[in-house]
Amino acid sequence: MGRVGVVPAHVWYARSAPAVAVDLLGAWITTRSPEGDVTVRITEVEAYGGADDPGSHAFRGRSARNDAMFAEPGRLYVYRHLGLHYCVNIVTSPTGQPSAVLLRAGEVVDGAGLAWARRARAGAVDSDRQLARGPARLAVALGLDLSANRADVTEAGGAVVVHRRENATRPALASGPRVGVAGEGADGARFPWRLWLVGEPTVSPFRRAYRSSSPRSGPASGTTGP
């Protein structure tokens, strides 16, 4: 049935991606479908900017793929990575200023049976810890794909909704370089924008980007985030 808490309005997301990323840690995202509901407590995220962020899909401007990043804040940006799996992001900053927060990992707190069934159909799953550990697994557990692109997470009765605790104490968190980002965007001193809850077993492992030997590779090549 999801979790009880505050459903932030669009204006709450109209802030910088790193600021929203911090506040999304510990929040819940719920998806509703004819199969049932699944709720994930968010334990790991990554922030991505726009033209000033070499690791972002929006670094080189607007395209058919990243168009949702320019939408109003509080919408989903869903894309397919390497043609293999889906990644789910929440759009931030004012409309027209592209930035987003990638949901990297979480703990399934409601609808675990359905999450297990979805993961089993998609591939092997061996523990509750692994159900939504990593962006691809999280998308599968929630049942999200390209059809959810631009979905509004600010509608309490919507198919996808985010809740956060009211007046919650900020949990202990850590930060570091983003996973799978190459080039300048991999600079952890400039972009320490992977954020996670300390001590959470569902947080995914850090992996550096594959570095192509081709001189044509751009600074955003190899990225998994938006």
Protein backbone atom coordinates (compact mmCIF):
# COMPACT_ATOMS: atom_id res chain seq x y z
CA MET A 1 0.00 0.00 0.00
CA GLY A 2 3.00 2.30 0.05
CA ARG A 3 4.20 4.46 2.92
CA VAL A 4 2.59 7.37 4.70
CA GLY A 5 4.48 10.64 4.44
CA VAL A 6 4.71 13.95 2.65
CA VAL A 7 4.35 13.93 -1.14
CA PRO A 8 6.62 16.78 -2.28
CA ALA A 9 5.20 19.19 -4.86
CA HIS A 10 6.91 20.18 -8.11
CA VAL A 11 8.50 23.19 -6.43
CA TRP A 12 10.32 20.91 -3.97
CA TYR A 13 12.20 19.38 -6.91
CA ALA A 14 12.95 22.78 -8.48
CA ARG A 15 16.35 22.89 -6.79
CA SER A 16 19.83 21.77 -7.77
CA ALA A 17 20.24 18.06 -8.36
CA PRO A 18 22.73 17.59 -5.47
CA ALA A 19 20.35 19.29 -3.02
CA VAL A 20 17.42 17.13 -4.07
CA ALA A 21 19.62 14.04 -4.08
CA VAL A 22 20.47 14.48 -0.40
CA ASP A 23 16.80 14.84 0.53
CA LEU A 24 15.73 11.80 -1.50
CA LEU A 25 17.87 9.49 0.62
CA GLY A 26 15.54 7.63 2.97
CA ALA A 27 12.46 8.65 0.98
CA TRP A 28 10.10 6.07 -0.56
CA ILE A 29 9.11 5.58 -4.16
CA THR A 30 5.95 3.55 -4.84
CA THR A 31 4.68 2.16 -8.13
CA ARG A 32 1.11 1.00 -8.63
CA SER A 33 -0.02 -1.38 -11.35
CA PRO A 34 -2.63 -4.10 -11.96
CA GLU A 35 -0.03 -6.56 -10.65
CA GLY A 36 0.14 -4.73 -7.32
CA ASP A 37 2.16 -2.09 -5.51
CA VAL A 38 5.87 -2.04 -4.75
CA THR A 39 7.61 0.47 -2.49
CA VAL A 40 11.37 1.01 -2.30
CA ARG A 41 13.18 3.05 0.34
CA ILE A 42 15.88 4.96 -1.52
CA THR A 43 19.38 4.26 -0.17
CA GLU A 44 21.67 5.45 -2.99
CA VAL A 45 21.44 8.19 -5.61
CA GLU A 46 23.54 10.18 -8.05
CA ALA A 47 23.10 13.80 -9.08
CA TYR A 48 23.59 15.05 -12.66
CA GLY A 49 23.58 18.62 -13.90
CA GLY A 50 23.23 20.05 -17.38
CA ALA A 51 25.60 22.00 -19.62
CA ASP A 52 28.08 22.40 -16.75
CA ASP A 53 28.30 18.66 -16.03
CA PRO A 54 30.42 16.58 -18.45
CA GLY A 55 28.93 13.39 -17.02
CA SER A 56 25.37 14.37 -17.88
CA HIS A 57 23.25 13.34 -20.85
CA ALA A 58 22.35 17.04 -21.17
CA PHE A 59 25.97 18.21 -21.41
CA ARG A 60 25.75 18.63 -25.19
CA GLY A 61 22.23 20.02 -25.23
CA ARG A 62 18.72 18.79 -25.85
CA SER A 63 18.00 15.60 -27.78
CA ALA A 64 15.17 13.15 -28.32
CA ARG A 65 16.68 10.90 -25.68
CA ASN A 66 17.17 13.47 -22.90
CA ASP A 67 14.13 15.67 -23.64
CA ALA A 68 12.47 14.68 -20.34
CA MET A 69 15.36 16.30 -18.43
CA PHE A 70 14.05 19.66 -19.65
CA ALA A 71 10.53 18.97 -18.33
CA GLU A 72 9.05 20.34 -15.14
CA PRO A 73 10.75 19.14 -11.96
CA GLY A 74 9.20 16.10 -10.31
CA ARG A 75 8.87 14.11 -13.54
CA LEU A 76 10.66 10.86 -14.30
CA TYR A 77 13.43 10.60 -16.85
CA VAL A 78 13.72 6.94 -17.86
CA TYR A 79 16.23 5.76 -20.44
CA ARG A 80 17.65 2.48 -21.66
CA HIS A 81 21.34 1.97 -20.97
CA LEU A 82 23.35 0.15 -23.66
CA GLY A 83 20.12 -1.42 -24.88
CA LEU A 84 20.18 -3.74 -21.89
CA HIS A 85 18.31 -2.22 -18.97
CA TYR A 86 16.44 0.84 -17.74
CA CYS A 87 17.58 3.60 -15.41
CA VAL A 88 15.12 5.75 -13.45
CA ASN A 89 15.79 9.41 -12.64
CA ILE A 90 13.78 12.24 -11.12
CA VAL A 91 14.02 15.59 -12.92
CA THR A 92 15.18 18.55 -10.81
CA SER A 93 15.79 22.31 -11.22
CA PRO A 94 13.29 24.71 -12.82
CA THR A 95 11.69 23.71 -16.11
CA GLY A 96 14.10 24.06 -19.02
CA GLN A 97 17.21 23.77 -16.84
CA PRO A 98 18.14 20.10 -17.25
CA SER A 99 19.29 18.15 -14.23
CA ALA A 100 18.19 14.93 -12.60
CA VAL A 101 18.81 12.48 -9.78
CA LEU A 102 19.48 8.85 -10.70
CA LEU A 103 17.95 6.34 -8.29
CA ARG A 104 20.81 3.88 -7.89
CA ALA A 105 19.61 1.51 -5.17
CA GLY A 106 17.07 0.90 -2.46
CA GLU A 107 15.41 -1.48 -0.02
CA VAL A 108 12.10 -3.05 -1.00
CA VAL A 109 9.83 -2.37 1.98
CA ASP A 110 6.42 -3.24 0.50
CA GLY A 111 5.46 -5.63 -2.29
CA ALA A 112 8.52 -7.85 -1.94
CA GLY A 113 6.71 -10.82 -3.46
CA LEU A 114 5.94 -8.91 -6.65
CA ALA A 115 9.48 -7.46 -6.75
CA TRP A 116 10.89 -11.00 -6.47
CA ALA A 117 8.62 -12.22 -9.29
CA ARG A 118 9.69 -9.36 -11.56
CA ARG A 119 13.36 -9.91 -10.82
CA ALA A 120 13.02 -13.66 -11.38
CA ARG A 121 11.49 -13.05 -14.80
CA ALA A 122 14.35 -10.70 -15.67
CA GLY A 123 17.16 -12.89 -14.32
CA ALA A 124 18.66 -14.41 -11.21
CA VAL A 125 17.98 -12.99 -7.75
CA ASP A 126 19.37 -14.54 -4.58
CA SER A 127 18.43 -12.31 -1.65
CA ASP A 128 16.24 -9.43 -0.46
CA ARG A 129 19.41 -7.32 -0.35
CA GLN A 130 19.81 -7.71 -4.11
CA LEU A 131 16.20 -6.95 -5.12
CA ALA A 132 16.81 -3.26 -5.88
CA ARG A 133 20.58 -3.02 -5.46
CA GLY A 134 21.71 -1.08 -8.51
CA PRO A 135 19.74 1.08 -10.97
CA ALA A 136 18.75 -1.75 -13.33
CA ARG A 137 17.49 -3.97 -10.54
CA LEU A 138 15.63 -1.08 -8.94
CA ALA A 139 13.81 -0.35 -12.22
CA VAL A 140 12.84 -4.01 -12.60
CA ALA A 141 11.63 -4.32 -9.00
CA LEU A 142 9.45 -1.23 -9.44
CA GLY A 143 8.22 -2.38 -12.85
CA LEU A 144 9.42 0.77 -14.61
CA ASP A 145 10.49 1.06 -18.24
CA LEU A 146 10.31 3.66 -21.02
CA SER A 147 6.52 3.84 -20.68
CA ALA A 148 7.10 5.64 -17.35
CA ASN A 149 9.17 8.41 -18.94
CA ARG A 150 7.78 11.80 -17.82
CA ALA A 151 5.56 10.23 -15.16
CA ASP A 152 4.65 12.72 -12.41
CA VAL A 153 5.85 11.61 -8.96
CA THR A 154 4.07 14.47 -7.17
CA GLU A 155 0.55 13.04 -7.49
CA ALA A 156 -0.44 11.17 -4.32
CA GLY A 157 -2.76 8.85 -6.24
CA GLY A 158 -0.53 8.45 -9.28
CA ALA A 159 1.05 5.34 -10.75
CA VAL A 160 4.45 6.47 -9.44
CA VAL A 161 4.72 8.59 -6.30
CA VAL A 162 7.50 9.69 -3.93
CA HIS A 163 6.89 10.13 -0.20
CA ARG A 164 9.29 11.51 2.35
CA ARG A 165 9.08 11.73 6.12
CA GLU A 166 7.85 15.00 7.55
CA ASN A 167 10.39 16.76 9.78
CA ALA A 168 12.70 13.76 9.49
CA THR A 169 16.18 13.77 11.02
CA ARG A 170 18.68 13.68 8.18
CA PRO A 171 20.29 10.22 8.10
CA ALA A 172 24.06 9.68 8.08
CA LEU A 173 25.27 9.72 4.50
CA ALA A 174 28.46 9.48 2.51
CA SER A 175 29.46 10.80 -0.90
CA GLY A 176 31.95 10.09 -3.64
CA PRO A 177 32.52 9.98 -7.40
CA ARG A 178 29.75 8.68 -9.62
CA VAL A 179 29.67 5.10 -10.88
CA GLY A 180 30.60 4.40 -14.50
CA VAL A 181 31.30 8.04 -15.39
CA ALA A 182 34.36 8.75 -17.55
CA GLY A 183 36.34 11.88 -18.37
CA GLU A 184 35.97 15.14 -16.46
CA GLY A 185 32.66 14.04 -14.98
CA ALA A 186 34.50 11.33 -13.05
CA ASP A 187 36.35 13.93 -10.96
CA GLY A 188 35.19 13.13 -7.43
CA ALA A 189 36.54 16.40 -6.06
CA ARG A 190 34.44 18.45 -8.48
CA PHE A 191 31.46 16.09 -8.68
CA PRO A 192 31.16 14.13 -5.40
CA TRP A 193 27.58 13.46 -6.44
CA ARG A 194 27.10 9.81 -5.66
CA LEU A 195 25.37 9.81 -2.28
CA TRP A 196 24.35 6.89 -0.11
CA LEU A 197 23.10 6.00 3.37
CA VAL A 198 25.89 4.80 5.62
CA GLY A 199 25.69 1.16 6.68
CA GLU A 200 22.96 0.18 4.20
CA PRO A 201 23.53 -3.31 2.73
CA THR A 202 21.50 -2.44 -0.39
CA VAL A 203 24.00 0.21 -1.56
CA SER A 204 25.64 -0.88 -4.83
CA PRO A 205 29.40 -1.33 -5.27
CA PHE A 206 31.47 1.42 -6.86
CA ARG A 207 32.81 0.73 -10.35
CA ARG A 208 34.91 3.01 -12.50
CA ALA A 209 33.95 3.64 -16.12
CA TYR A 210 35.40 1.62 -18.95
CA ARG A 211 37.86 3.91 -20.69
CA SER A 212 37.86 3.53 -24.45
CA SER A 213 41.16 3.92 -26.29
CA SER A 214 39.39 5.76 -29.10
CA PRO A 215 40.24 9.49 -29.27
CA ARG A 216 36.69 10.11 -30.52
CA SER A 217 35.23 9.16 -27.19
CA GLY A 218 33.58 12.16 -25.56
CA PRO A 219 33.80 13.11 -21.90
CA ALA A 220 30.41 11.59 -21.19
CA SER A 221 31.14 8.25 -22.86
CA GLY A 222 30.64 5.27 -20.60
CA THR A 223 28.24 7.09 -18.29
CA THR A 224 25.31 5.32 -16.68
CA GLY A 225 23.66 8.43 -15.27
CA PRO A 226 21.56 11.09 -16.94
